[in-house]
Amino acid sequence: VDALFISPDGKVGIGTNTPGELLEVSKSSGAIIKLHAPGANSWKLKGSTDFSIYDDSNSDYLTIKNSGNIGIGTTTPGEKLSVAGTGGFLGSAPSGVALVTIENNSGTTAQSWGLIVKGGGNSSAGRIFQAQDSSGNSTFLVTGNGNVGIGTTGPGSRLHVESLGAGNANGTCVYLHGDTATNFPVMRIDNATGGNATDTHGLLINNTAPGAGLRINNGS
């Protein structure tokens, strides 16, 4: 095999005398191409069963398996895209367009998910999922123990909602609006836990501030 071969039709082969494309590089093992600038780190490309991009320390940055799975920070991606390490999306989406869209179009009634998020530990300190506004303030989060907080970073119950504060026109904690065309209640509270009847409540209202603990306004 010649070190460099040029076929009559202009195809170039490096490590092969039978190039099938304008440029074909063949090597049995190791890096096929090395990109290097003086005084800088080198990037190496290799392709055998899989395709990889790695550096001088043999740390793999990108792996494409022959199955089509892509791994970033991992050489064994088990899904179409597997990322080992932290990540983020930064962009400028047009008005009315999501920066990232996750859609499950399996078209089946079998149990399936659009998104599963794992992690955060099993305590209130760990966070499985969190949404923030443009200033970095938490607007919604799910802790490791399953509590959900809206407007708070320390939910102490399964659902903890904090208002937007005094002077805010939208300071109401929870707003429920039902469909009057149906016969279903706007909210339903069932207590089926059993136990001591004097200590088990369907609804408990604690009011420690001046004002009504429960106020009901007639629609008229």
N, C-alpha and C. Protein backbone atom coordinates (compact mmCIF):
# COMPACT_ATOMS: atom_id res chain seq x y z
N VAL A 1 0.84 -1.19 0.00
CA VAL A 1 0.00 0.00 0.00
C VAL A 1 0.88 1.24 0.00
N ASP A 2 0.63 2.13 -0.95
CA ASP A 2 1.40 3.36 -1.03
C ASP A 2 1.01 4.31 0.10
N ALA A 3 1.96 5.13 0.55
CA ALA A 3 1.66 6.12 1.58
C ALA A 3 0.65 7.13 1.05
N LEU A 4 0.79 7.49 -0.21
CA LEU A 4 -0.15 8.41 -0.86
C LEU A 4 -0.44 7.89 -2.25
N PHE A 5 -1.70 7.72 -2.57
CA PHE A 5 -2.09 7.17 -3.87
C PHE A 5 -3.12 8.10 -4.51
N ILE A 6 -2.90 8.43 -5.78
CA ILE A 6 -3.84 9.24 -6.55
C ILE A 6 -4.30 8.41 -7.74
N SER A 7 -5.58 8.16 -7.82
CA SER A 7 -6.11 7.33 -8.89
C SER A 7 -6.25 8.15 -10.17
N PRO A 8 -6.39 7.51 -11.33
CA PRO A 8 -6.52 8.24 -12.60
C PRO A 8 -7.70 9.20 -12.62
N ASP A 9 -8.77 8.91 -11.83
CA ASP A 9 -9.92 9.81 -11.85
C ASP A 9 -9.82 10.89 -10.77
N GLY A 10 -8.62 11.05 -10.15
CA GLY A 10 -8.39 12.16 -9.24
C GLY A 10 -8.69 11.88 -7.78
N LYS A 11 -9.04 10.65 -7.44
CA LYS A 11 -9.31 10.32 -6.05
C LYS A 11 -7.99 10.08 -5.31
N VAL A 12 -7.95 10.54 -4.04
CA VAL A 12 -6.72 10.46 -3.24
C VAL A 12 -6.91 9.44 -2.12
N GLY A 13 -5.96 8.55 -2.00
CA GLY A 13 -5.99 7.56 -0.93
C GLY A 13 -4.77 7.68 -0.04
N ILE A 14 -4.97 7.74 1.26
CA ILE A 14 -3.89 7.71 2.24
C ILE A 14 -4.07 6.43 3.04
N GLY A 15 -3.11 5.51 2.92
CA GLY A 15 -3.23 4.21 3.57
C GLY A 15 -4.06 3.23 2.77
N THR A 16 -4.45 3.60 1.57
CA THR A 16 -5.22 2.71 0.71
C THR A 16 -4.92 3.05 -0.75
N ASN A 17 -4.88 2.02 -1.59
CA ASN A 17 -4.69 2.20 -3.03
C ASN A 17 -5.99 2.12 -3.80
N THR A 18 -7.12 2.04 -3.07
CA THR A 18 -8.42 1.93 -3.74
C THR A 18 -9.40 2.94 -3.13
N PRO A 19 -9.08 4.23 -3.21
CA PRO A 19 -9.98 5.23 -2.63
C PRO A 19 -11.32 5.25 -3.36
N GLY A 20 -12.40 5.23 -2.60
CA GLY A 20 -13.73 5.25 -3.20
C GLY A 20 -14.32 6.64 -3.26
N GLU A 21 -13.67 7.60 -2.57
CA GLU A 21 -14.15 8.98 -2.57
C GLU A 21 -13.00 9.89 -2.99
N LEU A 22 -13.27 11.21 -3.09
CA LEU A 22 -12.21 12.13 -3.48
C LEU A 22 -11.03 12.06 -2.50
N LEU A 23 -11.33 11.80 -1.21
CA LEU A 23 -10.27 11.59 -0.22
C LEU A 23 -10.70 10.47 0.71
N GLU A 24 -9.85 9.46 0.82
CA GLU A 24 -10.12 8.34 1.73
C GLU A 24 -8.86 8.04 2.52
N VAL A 25 -9.02 8.02 3.85
CA VAL A 25 -7.90 7.74 4.75
C VAL A 25 -8.20 6.44 5.47
N SER A 26 -7.23 5.52 5.46
CA SER A 26 -7.43 4.21 6.06
C SER A 26 -6.30 3.89 7.04
N LYS A 27 -6.69 3.42 8.23
CA LYS A 27 -5.72 3.00 9.24
C LYS A 27 -6.38 1.96 10.12
N SER A 28 -5.62 0.93 10.47
CA SER A 28 -6.22 -0.19 11.20
C SER A 28 -6.55 0.14 12.64
N SER A 29 -5.81 1.07 13.29
CA SER A 29 -6.07 1.40 14.68
C SER A 29 -5.53 2.79 14.99
N GLY A 30 -5.99 3.35 16.12
CA GLY A 30 -5.51 4.67 16.53
C GLY A 30 -6.15 5.79 15.74
N ALA A 31 -5.60 6.98 15.96
CA ALA A 31 -6.16 8.16 15.30
C ALA A 31 -5.90 8.15 13.81
N ILE A 32 -6.90 8.56 13.05
CA ILE A 32 -6.75 8.68 11.60
C ILE A 32 -6.32 10.08 11.23
N ILE A 33 -6.88 11.07 11.90
CA ILE A 33 -6.55 12.48 11.64
C ILE A 33 -6.24 13.16 12.97
N LYS A 34 -5.20 13.99 12.97
CA LYS A 34 -4.83 14.77 14.15
C LYS A 34 -4.80 16.24 13.78
N LEU A 35 -5.55 17.04 14.51
CA LEU A 35 -5.58 18.48 14.30
C LEU A 35 -4.81 19.14 15.43
N HIS A 36 -3.81 19.95 15.06
CA HIS A 36 -2.92 20.47 16.09
C HIS A 36 -2.42 21.85 15.71
N ALA A 37 -2.46 22.76 16.69
CA ALA A 37 -1.86 24.08 16.53
C ALA A 37 -0.70 24.18 17.51
N PRO A 38 0.42 24.80 17.12
CA PRO A 38 1.58 24.88 18.00
C PRO A 38 1.22 25.46 19.36
N GLY A 39 1.62 24.74 20.41
CA GLY A 39 1.37 25.20 21.77
C GLY A 39 -0.04 24.96 22.25
N ALA A 40 -0.85 24.27 21.45
CA ALA A 40 -2.24 24.02 21.84
C ALA A 40 -2.50 22.53 21.93
N ASN A 41 -3.62 22.18 22.50
CA ASN A 41 -4.01 20.78 22.61
C ASN A 41 -4.34 20.22 21.23
N SER A 42 -4.18 18.93 21.09
CA SER A 42 -4.47 18.26 19.81
C SER A 42 -5.83 17.59 19.87
N TRP A 43 -6.49 17.57 18.72
CA TRP A 43 -7.74 16.85 18.58
C TRP A 43 -7.53 15.71 17.60
N LYS A 44 -8.00 14.52 17.97
CA LYS A 44 -7.79 13.35 17.14
C LYS A 44 -9.13 12.74 16.75
N LEU A 45 -9.16 12.25 15.52
CA LEU A 45 -10.34 11.59 15.00
C LEU A 45 -9.99 10.16 14.65
N LYS A 46 -10.83 9.25 15.07
CA LYS A 46 -10.63 7.85 14.69
C LYS A 46 -11.98 7.23 14.35
N GLY A 47 -11.93 6.26 13.47
CA GLY A 47 -13.15 5.59 13.08
C GLY A 47 -12.86 4.16 12.69
N SER A 48 -13.46 3.24 13.40
CA SER A 48 -13.40 1.83 13.04
C SER A 48 -14.83 1.32 13.08
N THR A 49 -15.18 0.61 14.15
CA THR A 49 -16.59 0.27 14.33
C THR A 49 -17.39 1.51 14.69
N ASP A 50 -16.77 2.36 15.53
CA ASP A 50 -17.40 3.62 15.95
C ASP A 50 -16.53 4.79 15.52
N PHE A 51 -17.09 6.00 15.62
CA PHE A 51 -16.34 7.22 15.33
C PHE A 51 -16.15 7.99 16.62
N SER A 52 -14.93 8.49 16.86
CA SER A 52 -14.64 9.19 18.11
C SER A 52 -13.80 10.43 17.86
N ILE A 53 -14.01 11.43 18.71
CA ILE A 53 -13.15 12.61 18.77
C ILE A 53 -12.57 12.65 20.18
N TYR A 54 -11.25 12.69 20.30
CA TYR A 54 -10.62 12.69 21.62
C TYR A 54 -9.37 13.54 21.59
N ASP A 55 -8.75 13.75 22.78
CA ASP A 55 -7.60 14.63 22.86
C ASP A 55 -6.33 13.85 23.16
N ASP A 56 -5.25 14.58 23.46
CA ASP A 56 -3.95 13.94 23.69
C ASP A 56 -3.96 13.01 24.90
N SER A 57 -4.82 13.29 25.87
CA SER A 57 -4.89 12.45 27.07
C SER A 57 -5.83 11.27 26.87
N ASN A 58 -6.29 11.07 25.63
CA ASN A 58 -7.20 9.98 25.27
C ASN A 58 -8.56 10.10 25.96
N SER A 59 -8.93 11.34 26.32
CA SER A 59 -10.26 11.58 26.86
C SER A 59 -11.24 11.76 25.70
N ASP A 60 -12.24 10.90 25.64
CA ASP A 60 -13.21 10.96 24.55
C ASP A 60 -14.23 12.07 24.80
N TYR A 61 -14.45 12.89 23.79
CA TYR A 61 -15.41 13.98 23.89
C TYR A 61 -16.70 13.66 23.15
N LEU A 62 -16.58 12.98 22.03
CA LEU A 62 -17.75 12.65 21.23
C LEU A 62 -17.57 11.26 20.64
N THR A 63 -18.61 10.44 20.79
CA THR A 63 -18.59 9.09 20.23
C THR A 63 -19.89 8.86 19.47
N ILE A 64 -19.77 8.36 18.26
CA ILE A 64 -20.94 7.97 17.48
C ILE A 64 -20.83 6.47 17.24
N LYS A 65 -21.75 5.71 17.82
CA LYS A 65 -21.72 4.25 17.68
C LYS A 65 -22.26 3.85 16.30
N ASN A 66 -21.91 2.65 15.89
CA ASN A 66 -22.41 2.19 14.59
C ASN A 66 -23.92 1.96 14.62
N SER A 67 -24.51 1.97 15.84
CA SER A 67 -25.97 1.86 15.97
C SER A 67 -26.65 3.20 15.73
N GLY A 68 -25.85 4.28 15.69
CA GLY A 68 -26.41 5.62 15.53
C GLY A 68 -26.51 6.39 16.83
N ASN A 69 -26.28 5.72 17.97
CA ASN A 69 -26.32 6.42 19.25
C ASN A 69 -25.12 7.35 19.37
N ILE A 70 -25.37 8.52 19.99
CA ILE A 70 -24.33 9.54 20.15
C ILE A 70 -24.06 9.75 21.63
N GLY A 71 -22.77 9.74 21.99
CA GLY A 71 -22.37 9.95 23.37
C GLY A 71 -21.48 11.17 23.49
N ILE A 72 -21.81 12.06 24.42
CA ILE A 72 -20.96 13.21 24.75
C ILE A 72 -20.46 13.00 26.17
N GLY A 73 -19.16 12.82 26.31
CA GLY A 73 -18.58 12.52 27.61
C GLY A 73 -18.71 11.07 28.01
N THR A 74 -19.21 10.24 27.13
CA THR A 74 -19.31 8.81 27.38
C THR A 74 -19.07 8.05 26.08
N THR A 75 -18.43 6.89 26.18
CA THR A 75 -18.16 6.07 25.00
C THR A 75 -19.18 4.94 24.85
N THR A 76 -20.13 4.87 25.78
CA THR A 76 -21.13 3.80 25.74
C THR A 76 -22.54 4.38 25.80
N PRO A 77 -22.93 5.19 24.83
CA PRO A 77 -24.29 5.75 24.86
C PRO A 77 -25.33 4.67 24.65
N GLY A 78 -26.29 4.60 25.58
CA GLY A 78 -27.35 3.59 25.47
C GLY A 78 -28.60 4.12 24.81
N GLU A 79 -28.62 5.43 24.52
CA GLU A 79 -29.78 6.06 23.88
C GLU A 79 -29.31 6.81 22.64
N LYS A 80 -30.26 7.39 21.91
CA LYS A 80 -29.90 8.16 20.73
C LYS A 80 -28.95 9.29 21.07
N LEU A 81 -29.12 9.88 22.28
CA LEU A 81 -28.18 10.89 22.76
C LEU A 81 -27.98 10.69 24.25
N SER A 82 -26.74 10.42 24.66
CA SER A 82 -26.39 10.27 26.07
C SER A 82 -25.31 11.29 26.40
N VAL A 83 -25.55 12.09 27.46
CA VAL A 83 -24.60 13.11 27.88
C VAL A 83 -24.18 12.82 29.30
N ALA A 84 -22.87 12.68 29.53
CA ALA A 84 -22.32 12.47 30.86
C ALA A 84 -21.68 13.77 31.31
N GLY A 85 -22.24 14.39 32.36
CA GLY A 85 -21.75 15.68 32.83
C GLY A 85 -22.85 16.71 32.76
N THR A 86 -22.51 17.94 33.08
CA THR A 86 -23.50 19.01 33.06
C THR A 86 -23.71 19.50 31.63
N GLY A 87 -24.82 20.17 31.42
CA GLY A 87 -25.12 20.69 30.09
C GLY A 87 -26.08 21.86 30.19
N GLY A 88 -26.26 22.54 29.08
CA GLY A 88 -27.17 23.67 29.07
C GLY A 88 -27.52 24.06 27.65
N PHE A 89 -28.68 24.72 27.51
CA PHE A 89 -29.11 25.23 26.22
C PHE A 89 -29.16 26.75 26.31
N LEU A 90 -28.50 27.42 25.41
CA LEU A 90 -28.51 28.87 25.38
C LEU A 90 -28.83 29.32 23.96
N GLY A 91 -29.90 30.05 23.83
CA GLY A 91 -30.28 30.49 22.50
C GLY A 91 -31.27 31.64 22.58
N SER A 92 -31.70 32.10 21.45
CA SER A 92 -32.68 33.18 21.37
C SER A 92 -33.81 32.71 20.46
N ALA A 93 -34.83 32.13 21.09
CA ALA A 93 -35.94 31.60 20.31
C ALA A 93 -36.88 32.72 19.89
N PRO A 94 -37.43 32.66 18.70
CA PRO A 94 -38.40 33.68 18.26
C PRO A 94 -39.62 33.68 19.17
N SER A 95 -40.38 34.75 19.16
CA SER A 95 -41.58 34.85 19.98
C SER A 95 -42.55 33.72 19.65
N GLY A 96 -43.02 33.06 20.70
CA GLY A 96 -43.98 31.97 20.53
C GLY A 96 -43.36 30.64 20.15
N VAL A 97 -42.04 30.56 20.13
CA VAL A 97 -41.35 29.33 19.75
C VAL A 97 -40.51 28.85 20.92
N ALA A 98 -40.59 27.58 21.26
CA ALA A 98 -39.82 27.02 22.38
C ALA A 98 -38.36 26.84 21.99
N LEU A 99 -37.47 27.05 22.96
CA LEU A 99 -36.05 26.81 22.71
C LEU A 99 -35.79 25.32 22.56
N VAL A 100 -36.46 24.51 23.38
CA VAL A 100 -36.32 23.05 23.31
C VAL A 100 -37.72 22.44 23.35
N THR A 101 -37.99 21.52 22.47
CA THR A 101 -39.27 20.81 22.44
C THR A 101 -39.04 19.33 22.61
N ILE A 102 -39.75 18.72 23.56
CA ILE A 102 -39.69 17.27 23.78
C ILE A 102 -41.06 16.70 23.46
N GLU A 103 -41.12 15.81 22.50
CA GLU A 103 -42.40 15.26 22.06
C GLU A 103 -42.31 13.74 22.01
N ASN A 104 -43.29 13.09 22.60
CA ASN A 104 -43.40 11.64 22.52
C ASN A 104 -44.50 11.31 21.52
N ASN A 105 -44.10 10.90 20.33
CA ASN A 105 -45.08 10.60 19.28
C ASN A 105 -45.18 9.10 19.03
N SER A 106 -45.10 8.32 20.13
CA SER A 106 -45.14 6.86 19.98
C SER A 106 -46.47 6.38 19.41
N GLY A 107 -47.53 7.18 19.62
CA GLY A 107 -48.82 6.80 19.04
C GLY A 107 -49.39 5.53 19.62
N THR A 108 -49.11 5.24 20.88
CA THR A 108 -49.60 4.02 21.50
C THR A 108 -50.21 4.35 22.85
N THR A 109 -51.13 3.50 23.28
CA THR A 109 -51.74 3.70 24.59
C THR A 109 -50.94 3.05 25.69
N ALA A 110 -49.86 2.35 25.35
CA ALA A 110 -49.00 1.74 26.37
C ALA A 110 -48.34 2.83 27.19
N GLN A 111 -47.89 2.47 28.38
CA GLN A 111 -47.26 3.44 29.27
C GLN A 111 -45.97 3.97 28.65
N SER A 112 -45.91 5.26 28.45
CA SER A 112 -44.73 5.89 27.88
C SER A 112 -44.64 7.31 28.41
N TRP A 113 -43.47 7.93 28.27
CA TRP A 113 -43.23 9.24 28.85
C TRP A 113 -42.62 10.17 27.81
N GLY A 114 -42.89 11.46 27.98
CA GLY A 114 -42.22 12.46 27.18
C GLY A 114 -40.91 12.88 27.81
N LEU A 115 -40.86 12.86 29.16
CA LEU A 115 -39.66 13.31 29.85
C LEU A 115 -39.57 12.64 31.21
N ILE A 116 -38.41 12.08 31.53
CA ILE A 116 -38.12 11.55 32.86
C ILE A 116 -36.86 12.25 33.36
N VAL A 117 -36.94 12.82 34.56
CA VAL A 117 -35.79 13.48 35.18
C VAL A 117 -35.45 12.72 36.45
N LYS A 118 -34.21 12.23 36.54
CA LYS A 118 -33.76 11.49 37.71
C LYS A 118 -32.66 12.28 38.42
N GLY A 119 -32.61 12.14 39.73
CA GLY A 119 -31.54 12.79 40.47
C GLY A 119 -32.06 13.65 41.59
N GLY A 120 -31.17 14.45 42.16
CA GLY A 120 -31.57 15.34 43.23
C GLY A 120 -31.52 14.72 44.59
N GLY A 121 -31.13 13.42 44.70
CA GLY A 121 -31.13 12.78 46.00
C GLY A 121 -32.54 12.53 46.49
N ASN A 122 -32.67 12.05 47.70
CA ASN A 122 -33.98 11.76 48.27
C ASN A 122 -34.28 12.66 49.45
N SER A 123 -33.91 13.91 49.37
CA SER A 123 -34.12 14.85 50.46
C SER A 123 -34.65 16.16 49.92
N SER A 124 -35.13 17.02 50.85
CA SER A 124 -35.65 18.32 50.44
C SER A 124 -34.55 19.23 49.92
N ALA A 125 -33.27 18.92 50.27
CA ALA A 125 -32.17 19.75 49.80
C ALA A 125 -31.85 19.51 48.33
N GLY A 126 -32.09 18.29 47.86
CA GLY A 126 -31.82 17.97 46.45
C GLY A 126 -32.95 18.43 45.57
N ARG A 127 -32.63 18.81 44.35
CA ARG A 127 -33.64 19.30 43.42
C ARG A 127 -33.60 18.48 42.14
N ILE A 128 -34.73 17.86 41.83
CA ILE A 128 -34.83 17.07 40.61
C ILE A 128 -35.06 17.97 39.40
N PHE A 129 -35.89 18.98 39.59
CA PHE A 129 -36.23 19.87 38.48
C PHE A 129 -36.47 21.27 39.03
N GLN A 130 -35.99 22.29 38.31
CA GLN A 130 -36.20 23.67 38.74
C GLN A 130 -36.33 24.57 37.54
N ALA A 131 -37.29 25.49 37.59
CA ALA A 131 -37.46 26.51 36.56
C ALA A 131 -37.17 27.87 37.19
N GLN A 132 -36.47 28.73 36.45
CA GLN A 132 -36.10 30.05 36.95
C GLN A 132 -36.50 31.12 35.95
N ASP A 133 -36.71 32.35 36.47
CA ASP A 133 -36.97 33.46 35.58
C ASP A 133 -35.65 34.03 35.06
N SER A 134 -35.72 35.10 34.29
CA SER A 134 -34.51 35.64 33.67
C SER A 134 -33.52 36.20 34.68
N SER A 135 -33.98 36.45 35.92
CA SER A 135 -33.08 36.95 36.97
C SER A 135 -32.52 35.84 37.84
N GLY A 136 -32.88 34.60 37.54
CA GLY A 136 -32.37 33.47 38.30
C GLY A 136 -33.22 33.11 39.51
N ASN A 137 -34.39 33.75 39.66
CA ASN A 137 -35.28 33.43 40.78
C ASN A 137 -36.09 32.18 40.47
N SER A 138 -36.19 31.31 41.46
CA SER A 138 -36.92 30.06 41.26
C SER A 138 -38.41 30.32 41.16
N THR A 139 -39.05 29.83 40.11
CA THR A 139 -40.49 29.95 39.94
C THR A 139 -41.21 28.63 40.17
N PHE A 140 -40.50 27.53 39.96
CA PHE A 140 -41.10 26.19 40.13
C PHE A 140 -39.98 25.20 40.35
N LEU A 141 -40.16 24.29 41.33
CA LEU A 141 -39.15 23.27 41.54
C LEU A 141 -39.77 22.02 42.14
N VAL A 142 -39.10 20.91 41.92
CA VAL A 142 -39.45 19.62 42.51
C VAL A 142 -38.24 19.13 43.27
N THR A 143 -38.40 18.90 44.57
CA THR A 143 -37.28 18.47 45.40
C THR A 143 -37.08 16.96 45.31
N GLY A 144 -35.97 16.50 45.87
CA GLY A 144 -35.65 15.08 45.80
C GLY A 144 -36.64 14.19 46.52
N ASN A 145 -37.34 14.73 47.51
CA ASN A 145 -38.32 13.90 48.23
C ASN A 145 -39.73 14.03 47.67
N GLY A 146 -39.87 14.70 46.51
CA GLY A 146 -41.16 14.76 45.83
C GLY A 146 -41.99 15.97 46.12
N ASN A 147 -41.52 16.88 46.99
CA ASN A 147 -42.29 18.10 47.25
C ASN A 147 -42.19 19.06 46.07
N VAL A 148 -43.28 19.81 45.85
CA VAL A 148 -43.34 20.76 44.74
C VAL A 148 -43.49 22.16 45.31
N GLY A 149 -42.63 23.06 44.86
CA GLY A 149 -42.68 24.44 45.32
C GLY A 149 -42.93 25.40 44.17
N ILE A 150 -43.89 26.29 44.34
CA ILE A 150 -44.18 27.35 43.37
C ILE A 150 -43.98 28.68 44.09
N GLY A 151 -42.98 29.44 43.67
CA GLY A 151 -42.67 30.69 44.33
C GLY A 151 -41.86 30.52 45.60
N THR A 152 -41.37 29.32 45.86
CA THR A 152 -40.55 29.05 47.03
C THR A 152 -39.50 28.01 46.70
N THR A 153 -38.33 28.12 47.31
CA THR A 153 -37.26 27.13 47.10
C THR A 153 -37.20 26.11 48.23
N GLY A 154 -38.11 26.24 49.21
CA GLY A 154 -38.11 25.30 50.33
C GLY A 154 -39.49 24.75 50.63
N PRO A 155 -40.10 24.02 49.69
CA PRO A 155 -41.43 23.47 49.96
C PRO A 155 -41.41 22.47 51.10
N GLY A 156 -42.28 22.69 52.09
CA GLY A 156 -42.32 21.80 53.24
C GLY A 156 -43.42 20.79 53.18
N SER A 157 -44.17 20.74 52.08
CA SER A 157 -45.25 19.78 51.92
C SER A 157 -45.30 19.36 50.46
N ARG A 158 -46.22 18.46 50.15
CA ARG A 158 -46.29 17.96 48.78
C ARG A 158 -46.51 19.09 47.77
N LEU A 159 -47.27 20.11 48.15
CA LEU A 159 -47.44 21.29 47.30
C LEU A 159 -47.37 22.52 48.19
N HIS A 160 -46.43 23.40 47.90
CA HIS A 160 -46.22 24.62 48.68
C HIS A 160 -46.21 25.78 47.70
N VAL A 161 -47.18 26.69 47.86
CA VAL A 161 -47.33 27.82 46.95
C VAL A 161 -47.18 29.12 47.73
N GLU A 162 -46.31 30.00 47.27
CA GLU A 162 -46.12 31.32 47.86
C GLU A 162 -46.64 32.38 46.89
N SER A 163 -47.30 33.41 47.42
CA SER A 163 -47.80 34.48 46.57
C SER A 163 -46.65 35.33 46.06
N LEU A 164 -46.96 36.22 45.14
CA LEU A 164 -45.94 37.09 44.56
C LEU A 164 -45.61 38.27 45.46
N GLY A 165 -46.30 38.39 46.59
CA GLY A 165 -45.96 39.45 47.54
C GLY A 165 -46.92 40.61 47.50
N ALA A 166 -46.83 41.44 48.54
CA ALA A 166 -47.71 42.60 48.66
C ALA A 166 -47.46 43.58 47.53
N GLY A 167 -48.54 44.23 47.10
CA GLY A 167 -48.42 45.23 46.06
C GLY A 167 -48.40 44.66 44.66
N ASN A 168 -48.47 43.32 44.53
CA ASN A 168 -48.48 42.71 43.21
C ASN A 168 -49.92 42.46 42.79
N ALA A 169 -50.27 42.90 41.62
CA ALA A 169 -51.65 42.78 41.15
C ALA A 169 -52.07 41.33 41.01
N ASN A 170 -51.08 40.42 40.83
CA ASN A 170 -51.37 39.00 40.68
C ASN A 170 -50.88 38.23 41.89
N GLY A 171 -51.10 38.79 43.09
CA GLY A 171 -50.56 38.19 44.30
C GLY A 171 -51.32 37.00 44.82
N THR A 172 -52.46 36.64 44.22
CA THR A 172 -53.22 35.48 44.67
C THR A 172 -52.38 34.22 44.56
N CYS A 173 -52.38 33.41 45.64
CA CYS A 173 -51.56 32.19 45.62
C CYS A 173 -52.08 31.18 44.61
N VAL A 174 -53.38 30.88 44.70
CA VAL A 174 -53.95 29.84 43.83
C VAL A 174 -55.24 30.38 43.23
N TYR A 175 -55.39 30.22 41.94
CA TYR A 175 -56.61 30.63 41.24
C TYR A 175 -57.16 29.42 40.50
N LEU A 176 -58.39 29.04 40.80
CA LEU A 176 -59.03 27.90 40.17
C LEU A 176 -60.24 28.38 39.38
N HIS A 177 -60.34 27.97 38.16
CA HIS A 177 -61.46 28.36 37.30
C HIS A 177 -62.04 27.11 36.66
N GLY A 178 -63.27 26.80 37.01
CA GLY A 178 -63.89 25.59 36.50
C GLY A 178 -64.67 25.81 35.23
N ASP A 179 -65.06 24.71 34.61
CA ASP A 179 -65.87 24.74 33.39
C ASP A 179 -67.33 24.53 33.79
N THR A 180 -68.14 25.57 33.71
CA THR A 180 -69.53 25.47 34.15
C THR A 180 -70.36 24.56 33.26
N ALA A 181 -69.83 24.18 32.12
CA ALA A 181 -70.58 23.31 31.21
C ALA A 181 -70.54 21.86 31.66
N THR A 182 -69.72 21.53 32.67
CA THR A 182 -69.62 20.16 33.16
C THR A 182 -70.23 20.08 34.55
N ASN A 183 -70.39 18.86 35.01
CA ASN A 183 -70.94 18.63 36.34
C ASN A 183 -69.85 18.27 37.35
N PHE A 184 -68.62 18.65 37.07
CA PHE A 184 -67.51 18.33 37.95
C PHE A 184 -67.16 19.54 38.81
N PRO A 185 -66.77 19.32 40.07
CA PRO A 185 -66.39 20.44 40.94
C PRO A 185 -65.08 21.07 40.50
N VAL A 186 -64.91 22.35 40.86
CA VAL A 186 -63.65 23.03 40.56
C VAL A 186 -62.52 22.39 41.36
N MET A 187 -62.79 22.03 42.60
CA MET A 187 -61.78 21.36 43.42
C MET A 187 -62.46 20.30 44.28
N ARG A 188 -61.82 19.18 44.45
CA ARG A 188 -62.36 18.09 45.26
C ARG A 188 -61.29 17.64 46.25
N ILE A 189 -61.68 17.48 47.50
CA ILE A 189 -60.77 17.01 48.54
C ILE A 189 -61.33 15.73 49.12
N ASP A 190 -60.60 14.62 48.97
CA ASP A 190 -61.00 13.33 49.53
C ASP A 190 -60.01 12.95 50.62
N ASN A 191 -60.52 12.50 51.75
CA ASN A 191 -59.66 12.00 52.81
C ASN A 191 -60.02 10.56 53.06
N ALA A 192 -59.15 9.67 52.65
CA ALA A 192 -59.41 8.24 52.81
C ALA A 192 -58.29 7.57 53.58
N THR A 193 -57.58 8.35 54.40
CA THR A 193 -56.42 7.79 55.11
C THR A 193 -56.81 7.00 56.33
N GLY A 194 -58.01 7.23 56.89
CA GLY A 194 -58.40 6.55 58.12
C GLY A 194 -57.67 7.14 59.31
N GLY A 195 -57.54 6.39 60.38
CA GLY A 195 -56.83 6.86 61.55
C GLY A 195 -57.77 7.52 62.53
N ASN A 196 -57.21 8.32 63.41
CA ASN A 196 -57.98 8.99 64.45
C ASN A 196 -58.89 10.04 63.81
N ALA A 197 -60.20 9.88 64.00
CA ALA A 197 -61.15 10.77 63.34
C ALA A 197 -61.01 12.21 63.81
N THR A 198 -60.51 12.40 65.03
CA THR A 198 -60.39 13.77 65.55
C THR A 198 -59.14 14.47 65.03
N ASP A 199 -58.19 13.73 64.49
CA ASP A 199 -56.94 14.31 64.01
C ASP A 199 -56.79 14.26 62.49
N THR A 200 -57.75 13.66 61.81
CA THR A 200 -57.67 13.51 60.36
C THR A 200 -58.69 14.45 59.72
N HIS A 201 -58.24 15.30 58.81
CA HIS A 201 -59.10 16.33 58.25
C HIS A 201 -59.08 16.26 56.73
N GLY A 202 -60.23 16.55 56.15
CA GLY A 202 -60.27 16.74 54.71
C GLY A 202 -59.75 18.11 54.33
N LEU A 203 -60.04 19.10 55.18
CA LEU A 203 -59.59 20.46 54.94
C LEU A 203 -59.32 21.13 56.28
N LEU A 204 -58.12 21.69 56.43
CA LEU A 204 -57.74 22.38 57.65
C LEU A 204 -57.24 23.77 57.27
N ILE A 205 -57.81 24.81 57.88
CA ILE A 205 -57.41 26.19 57.61
C ILE A 205 -56.85 26.79 58.89
N ASN A 206 -55.58 27.18 58.87
CA ASN A 206 -54.96 27.87 59.98
C ASN A 206 -54.78 29.33 59.60
N ASN A 207 -55.31 30.23 60.40
CA ASN A 207 -55.20 31.65 60.11
C ASN A 207 -54.51 32.33 61.28
N THR A 208 -53.29 32.80 61.09
CA THR A 208 -52.53 33.44 62.16
C THR A 208 -52.43 34.95 61.96
N ALA A 209 -53.04 35.45 60.91
CA ALA A 209 -53.01 36.89 60.63
C ALA A 209 -54.41 37.45 60.71
N PRO A 210 -54.54 38.75 60.95
CA PRO A 210 -55.87 39.37 61.00
C PRO A 210 -56.61 39.16 59.68
N GLY A 211 -57.89 38.90 59.77
CA GLY A 211 -58.68 38.68 58.57
C GLY A 211 -59.39 37.34 58.65
N ALA A 212 -60.18 37.07 57.66
CA ALA A 212 -60.97 35.85 57.66
C ALA A 212 -60.13 34.64 57.29
N GLY A 213 -60.34 33.55 58.01
CA GLY A 213 -59.69 32.30 57.63
C GLY A 213 -60.29 31.71 56.39
N LEU A 214 -61.58 31.90 56.21
CA LEU A 214 -62.26 31.42 55.02
C LEU A 214 -63.29 32.47 54.62
N ARG A 215 -63.27 32.90 53.40
CA ARG A 215 -64.23 33.88 52.92
C ARG A 215 -64.83 33.37 51.62
N ILE A 216 -66.15 33.44 51.55
CA ILE A 216 -66.87 32.97 50.36
C ILE A 216 -67.69 34.15 49.84
N ASN A 217 -67.43 34.54 48.60
CA ASN A 217 -68.19 35.63 47.97
C ASN A 217 -69.24 35.06 47.03
N ASN A 218 -70.44 35.58 47.13
CA ASN A 218 -71.50 35.18 46.21
C ASN A 218 -71.23 35.80 44.85
N GLY A 219 -71.44 35.04 43.81
CA GLY A 219 -71.14 35.52 42.46
C GLY A 219 -71.93 36.74 42.07
N SER A 220 -73.08 36.96 42.69
CA SER A 220 -73.89 38.11 42.35
C SER A 220 -73.42 39.37 43.08
